[in-house]
Amino acid sequence: MTQLKSSFISTADYDEANQTLTLNFHNGTSYTYQNAPHDIFRDLILADSAGQFFQNAIRPHFQGVKVED
């Protein structure tokens, strides 16, 4: 799990075998994004603004599935 310096996303995790990106948001919700290439995870954690990267490169291209507790 990678901690992000973001007011929107708290942590990000990537499962290489399943190409699944999991994002945990500061509001307490978590979403998984299937078929996300590792480059997306890498670029997210390196982005100047993780929230802006999410809005531009993840949200429009990958369907999120809410992780239920």
N, C-alpha and C. Protein backbone atom coordinates (compact mmCIF):
# COMPACT_ATOMS: atom_id res chain seq x y z
N MET A 1 0.85 -1.17 0.00
CA MET A 1 0.00 0.00 0.00
C MET A 1 0.90 1.23 0.00
N THR A 2 0.61 2.15 -0.89
CA THR A 2 1.41 3.37 -1.03
C THR A 2 0.60 4.56 -0.53
N GLN A 3 1.15 5.27 0.43
CA GLN A 3 0.52 6.48 0.96
C GLN A 3 0.72 7.61 -0.05
N LEU A 4 -0.36 8.34 -0.35
CA LEU A 4 -0.27 9.45 -1.30
C LEU A 4 -0.39 10.78 -0.58
N LYS A 5 0.34 11.77 -1.06
CA LYS A 5 0.20 13.12 -0.55
C LYS A 5 -0.91 13.79 -1.34
N SER A 6 -2.13 13.55 -0.90
CA SER A 6 -3.30 14.02 -1.63
C SER A 6 -4.42 14.32 -0.64
N SER A 7 -5.19 15.33 -0.91
CA SER A 7 -6.35 15.62 -0.08
C SER A 7 -7.56 14.79 -0.51
N PHE A 8 -7.42 14.03 -1.58
CA PHE A 8 -8.52 13.26 -2.17
C PHE A 8 -8.33 11.76 -1.97
N ILE A 9 -7.13 11.26 -2.25
CA ILE A 9 -6.83 9.82 -2.19
C ILE A 9 -5.83 9.59 -1.07
N SER A 10 -6.14 8.66 -0.17
CA SER A 10 -5.22 8.41 0.93
C SER A 10 -4.15 7.39 0.56
N THR A 11 -4.55 6.25 -0.02
CA THR A 11 -3.58 5.22 -0.39
C THR A 11 -3.95 4.57 -1.71
N ALA A 12 -2.94 3.97 -2.32
CA ALA A 12 -3.13 3.23 -3.57
C ALA A 12 -2.37 1.92 -3.47
N ASP A 13 -2.92 0.88 -4.05
CA ASP A 13 -2.28 -0.43 -4.07
C ASP A 13 -2.47 -1.03 -5.45
N TYR A 14 -1.51 -1.83 -5.87
CA TYR A 14 -1.59 -2.44 -7.20
C TYR A 14 -1.30 -3.92 -7.11
N ASP A 15 -2.17 -4.73 -7.70
CA ASP A 15 -1.99 -6.17 -7.79
C ASP A 15 -1.54 -6.48 -9.21
N GLU A 16 -0.25 -6.75 -9.36
CA GLU A 16 0.36 -6.99 -10.68
C GLU A 16 -0.27 -8.19 -11.38
N ALA A 17 -0.49 -9.28 -10.65
CA ALA A 17 -1.01 -10.51 -11.26
C ALA A 17 -2.40 -10.31 -11.86
N ASN A 18 -3.23 -9.51 -11.19
CA ASN A 18 -4.60 -9.29 -11.67
C ASN A 18 -4.80 -7.95 -12.36
N GLN A 19 -3.75 -7.16 -12.46
CA GLN A 19 -3.81 -5.81 -13.03
C GLN A 19 -4.96 -5.02 -12.42
N THR A 20 -4.98 -5.01 -11.08
CA THR A 20 -6.03 -4.32 -10.35
C THR A 20 -5.44 -3.20 -9.50
N LEU A 21 -5.97 -2.03 -9.68
CA LEU A 21 -5.59 -0.87 -8.90
C LEU A 21 -6.66 -0.66 -7.84
N THR A 22 -6.26 -0.51 -6.59
CA THR A 22 -7.20 -0.22 -5.50
C THR A 22 -6.85 1.13 -4.92
N LEU A 23 -7.86 1.99 -4.84
CA LEU A 23 -7.68 3.32 -4.28
C LEU A 23 -8.55 3.47 -3.04
N ASN A 24 -7.95 3.99 -1.98
CA ASN A 24 -8.66 4.28 -0.75
C ASN A 24 -8.73 5.80 -0.61
N PHE A 25 -9.95 6.30 -0.50
CA PHE A 25 -10.17 7.74 -0.48
C PHE A 25 -10.31 8.23 0.96
N HIS A 26 -10.03 9.50 1.16
CA HIS A 26 -10.09 10.09 2.49
C HIS A 26 -11.51 10.07 3.07
N ASN A 27 -12.52 9.95 2.24
CA ASN A 27 -13.89 9.91 2.74
C ASN A 27 -14.28 8.52 3.26
N GLY A 28 -13.33 7.57 3.22
CA GLY A 28 -13.58 6.24 3.77
C GLY A 28 -13.97 5.19 2.75
N THR A 29 -14.18 5.59 1.51
CA THR A 29 -14.55 4.61 0.49
C THR A 29 -13.31 4.08 -0.22
N SER A 30 -13.46 2.87 -0.77
CA SER A 30 -12.38 2.24 -1.55
C SER A 30 -12.99 1.71 -2.84
N TYR A 31 -12.21 1.82 -3.91
CA TYR A 31 -12.64 1.33 -5.22
C TYR A 31 -11.51 0.54 -5.86
N THR A 32 -11.89 -0.49 -6.60
CA THR A 32 -10.91 -1.22 -7.40
C THR A 32 -11.16 -0.90 -8.87
N TYR A 33 -10.09 -0.91 -9.63
CA TYR A 33 -10.13 -0.63 -11.07
C TYR A 33 -9.42 -1.78 -11.77
N GLN A 34 -10.19 -2.58 -12.52
CA GLN A 34 -9.68 -3.76 -13.20
C GLN A 34 -8.97 -3.38 -14.50
N ASN A 35 -8.06 -4.25 -14.92
CA ASN A 35 -7.35 -4.10 -16.19
C ASN A 35 -6.58 -2.78 -16.30
N ALA A 36 -6.11 -2.31 -15.17
CA ALA A 36 -5.32 -1.08 -15.16
C ALA A 36 -3.84 -1.47 -15.30
N PRO A 37 -3.17 -0.97 -16.31
CA PRO A 37 -1.75 -1.30 -16.46
C PRO A 37 -0.91 -0.70 -15.32
N HIS A 38 0.21 -1.32 -15.06
CA HIS A 38 1.10 -0.86 -13.99
C HIS A 38 1.53 0.59 -14.19
N ASP A 39 1.64 1.02 -15.44
CA ASP A 39 2.02 2.40 -15.74
C ASP A 39 1.06 3.40 -15.09
N ILE A 40 -0.22 3.05 -15.02
CA ILE A 40 -1.21 3.94 -14.40
C ILE A 40 -0.90 4.11 -12.91
N PHE A 41 -0.61 3.00 -12.24
CA PHE A 41 -0.24 3.05 -10.82
C PHE A 41 1.03 3.88 -10.62
N ARG A 42 2.03 3.60 -11.42
CA ARG A 42 3.30 4.33 -11.32
C ARG A 42 3.09 5.82 -11.53
N ASP A 43 2.35 6.16 -12.57
CA ASP A 43 2.11 7.58 -12.88
C ASP A 43 1.29 8.26 -11.78
N LEU A 44 0.36 7.52 -11.19
CA LEU A 44 -0.45 8.07 -10.10
C LEU A 44 0.42 8.45 -8.91
N ILE A 45 1.29 7.54 -8.51
CA ILE A 45 2.10 7.81 -7.32
C ILE A 45 3.19 8.86 -7.59
N LEU A 46 3.53 9.07 -8.85
CA LEU A 46 4.53 10.08 -9.20
C LEU A 46 3.91 11.43 -9.56
N ALA A 47 2.60 11.48 -9.70
CA ALA A 47 1.92 12.71 -10.15
C ALA A 47 2.06 13.83 -9.12
N ASP A 48 2.18 15.05 -9.62
CA ASP A 48 2.19 16.22 -8.74
C ASP A 48 0.87 16.34 -7.99
N SER A 49 -0.22 15.96 -8.65
CA SER A 49 -1.54 15.97 -8.04
C SER A 49 -2.22 14.63 -8.32
N ALA A 50 -2.28 13.77 -7.30
CA ALA A 50 -2.91 12.46 -7.47
C ALA A 50 -4.39 12.60 -7.81
N GLY A 51 -5.06 13.57 -7.18
CA GLY A 51 -6.48 13.78 -7.45
C GLY A 51 -6.73 14.19 -8.88
N GLN A 52 -5.91 15.08 -9.39
CA GLN A 52 -6.05 15.53 -10.78
C GLN A 52 -5.74 14.39 -11.75
N PHE A 53 -4.71 13.61 -11.44
CA PHE A 53 -4.38 12.46 -12.28
C PHE A 53 -5.54 11.47 -12.29
N PHE A 54 -6.12 11.22 -11.13
CA PHE A 54 -7.28 10.32 -11.05
C PHE A 54 -8.41 10.82 -11.93
N GLN A 55 -8.73 12.11 -11.82
CA GLN A 55 -9.85 12.68 -12.59
C GLN A 55 -9.61 12.62 -14.10
N ASN A 56 -8.35 12.76 -14.52
CA ASN A 56 -8.03 12.81 -15.95
C ASN A 56 -7.66 11.48 -16.58
N ALA A 57 -7.01 10.60 -15.83
CA ALA A 57 -6.44 9.39 -16.44
C ALA A 57 -7.03 8.08 -15.94
N ILE A 58 -7.71 8.11 -14.81
CA ILE A 58 -8.27 6.85 -14.28
C ILE A 58 -9.79 6.84 -14.40
N ARG A 59 -10.43 7.80 -13.79
CA ARG A 59 -11.89 7.82 -13.75
C ARG A 59 -12.56 7.71 -15.12
N PRO A 60 -12.09 8.43 -16.15
CA PRO A 60 -12.78 8.34 -17.45
C PRO A 60 -12.49 7.05 -18.22
N HIS A 61 -11.45 6.30 -17.82
CA HIS A 61 -11.01 5.17 -18.63
C HIS A 61 -11.19 3.80 -17.99
N PHE A 62 -11.38 3.77 -16.67
CA PHE A 62 -11.50 2.51 -15.96
C PHE A 62 -12.73 2.56 -15.05
N GLN A 63 -13.54 1.51 -15.12
CA GLN A 63 -14.74 1.46 -14.29
C GLN A 63 -14.36 1.03 -12.87
N GLY A 64 -14.72 1.85 -11.92
CA GLY A 64 -14.45 1.54 -10.53
C GLY A 64 -15.54 0.69 -9.92
N VAL A 65 -15.14 -0.24 -9.08
CA VAL A 65 -16.10 -1.07 -8.34
C VAL A 65 -15.87 -0.80 -6.85
N LYS A 66 -16.93 -0.36 -6.19
CA LYS A 66 -16.80 -0.02 -4.77
C LYS A 66 -16.51 -1.28 -3.97
N VAL A 67 -15.53 -1.18 -3.08
CA VAL A 67 -15.19 -2.28 -2.18
C VAL A 67 -16.10 -2.17 -0.97
N GLU A 68 -16.88 -3.19 -0.75
CA GLU A 68 -17.79 -3.20 0.39
C GLU A 68 -17.07 -3.76 1.61
N ASP A 69 -17.35 -3.17 2.76
CA ASP A 69 -16.73 -3.64 4.01
C ASP A 69 -17.21 -5.02 4.40
